[in-house]
Protein backbone atom coordinates (compact mmCIF):
# COMPACT_ATOMS: atom_id res chain seq x y z
CA UNK A 1 71.14 -19.57 -62.75
CA UNK A 2 73.39 -17.54 -60.48
CA UNK A 3 73.21 -14.55 -62.83
CA UNK A 4 69.40 -14.70 -62.87
CA UNK A 5 69.37 -14.37 -59.10
CA UNK A 6 71.78 -11.43 -59.04
CA UNK A 7 69.85 -9.67 -61.83
CA UNK A 8 66.62 -10.02 -59.89
CA UNK A 9 68.33 -8.56 -56.78
CA UNK A 10 69.68 -5.62 -58.79
CA UNK A 11 66.23 -4.90 -60.23
CA UNK A 12 64.56 -5.33 -56.84
CA UNK A 13 66.99 -2.94 -55.16
CA UNK A 14 66.55 -0.34 -57.89
CA UNK A 15 62.77 -0.62 -57.55
CA UNK A 16 62.89 -0.23 -53.76
CA UNK A 17 65.04 2.89 -54.10
CA UNK A 18 62.80 4.35 -56.80
CA UNK A 19 65.65 4.82 -59.28
CA UNK A 20 63.43 4.69 -62.37
CA UNK A 21 61.01 7.21 -60.86
CA UNK A 22 63.82 9.67 -60.15
CA UNK A 23 65.41 9.18 -63.57
CA UNK A 24 62.14 9.42 -65.50
CA UNK A 25 62.99 10.64 -69.00
CA UNK A 26 66.01 12.66 -67.83
CA UNK A 27 69.73 12.12 -67.58
CA UNK A 28 70.85 12.52 -63.97
CA UNK A 29 74.09 12.51 -62.04
CA UNK A 30 74.79 9.85 -59.45
CA UNK A 31 74.95 12.59 -56.80
CA UNK A 32 71.44 13.80 -57.72
CA UNK A 33 70.10 10.25 -57.70
CA UNK A 34 71.79 9.40 -54.40
CA UNK A 35 70.25 12.44 -52.74
CA UNK A 36 66.79 11.82 -54.19
CA UNK A 37 66.87 8.09 -53.36
CA UNK A 38 68.55 8.65 -49.98
CA UNK A 39 71.31 6.21 -50.91
CA UNK A 40 75.07 6.06 -50.64
CA UNK A 41 76.52 7.55 -53.83
CA UNK A 42 79.29 4.97 -54.31
CA UNK A 43 76.94 2.03 -53.76
CA UNK A 44 74.34 3.58 -56.05
CA UNK A 45 76.96 4.06 -58.77
CA UNK A 46 77.76 0.35 -58.61
CA UNK A 47 74.04 -0.46 -58.77
CA UNK A 48 73.56 1.80 -61.80
CA UNK A 49 76.49 0.16 -63.56
CA UNK A 50 74.97 -3.25 -62.82
CA UNK A 51 71.67 -1.99 -64.29
CA UNK A 52 73.60 -0.79 -67.35
CA UNK A 53 75.13 -4.25 -67.78
CA UNK A 54 71.63 -5.71 -68.21
CA UNK A 55 70.37 -2.90 -70.41
CA UNK A 56 68.15 -0.98 -67.98
CA UNK A 57 70.26 2.17 -67.72
CA UNK A 58 73.14 3.62 -69.69
CA UNK A 59 76.04 5.74 -68.52
CA UNK A 60 75.97 8.81 -70.76
CA UNK A 61 78.99 10.53 -69.21
CA UNK A 62 81.13 10.22 -66.11
CA UNK A 63 78.67 9.22 -63.36
CA UNK A 64 75.62 10.32 -65.40
CA UNK A 65 72.83 7.89 -66.22
CA UNK A 66 69.51 7.65 -67.98
CA UNK A 67 67.01 4.89 -68.55
CA UNK A 68 67.18 2.98 -71.80
CA UNK A 69 63.97 2.28 -73.73
CA UNK A 70 64.03 -1.15 -72.10
CA UNK A 71 64.42 0.46 -68.67
CA UNK A 72 61.44 2.73 -69.27
CA UNK A 73 59.32 -0.31 -70.07
CA UNK A 74 60.55 -2.02 -66.89
CA UNK A 75 59.38 0.68 -64.58
CA UNK A 76 60.19 4.17 -65.70
CA UNK A 77 57.78 6.69 -67.13
């Protein structure tokens, strides 16, 4: 039950920041996302890794992310 709560908070935070909208169908760097979402880069990196752990994003290279097919269905384009 505890994991369900933390997953919902991760998804809610990503939605509030507009992460899926900024990622769209592209691969983006954490720095690009942080600037576009007006978020702290280190905190956003941790959020993106948490999203990757539940299958919403994937880290394609050092500090580079894209939405997975599941992530696009959850809120991306």
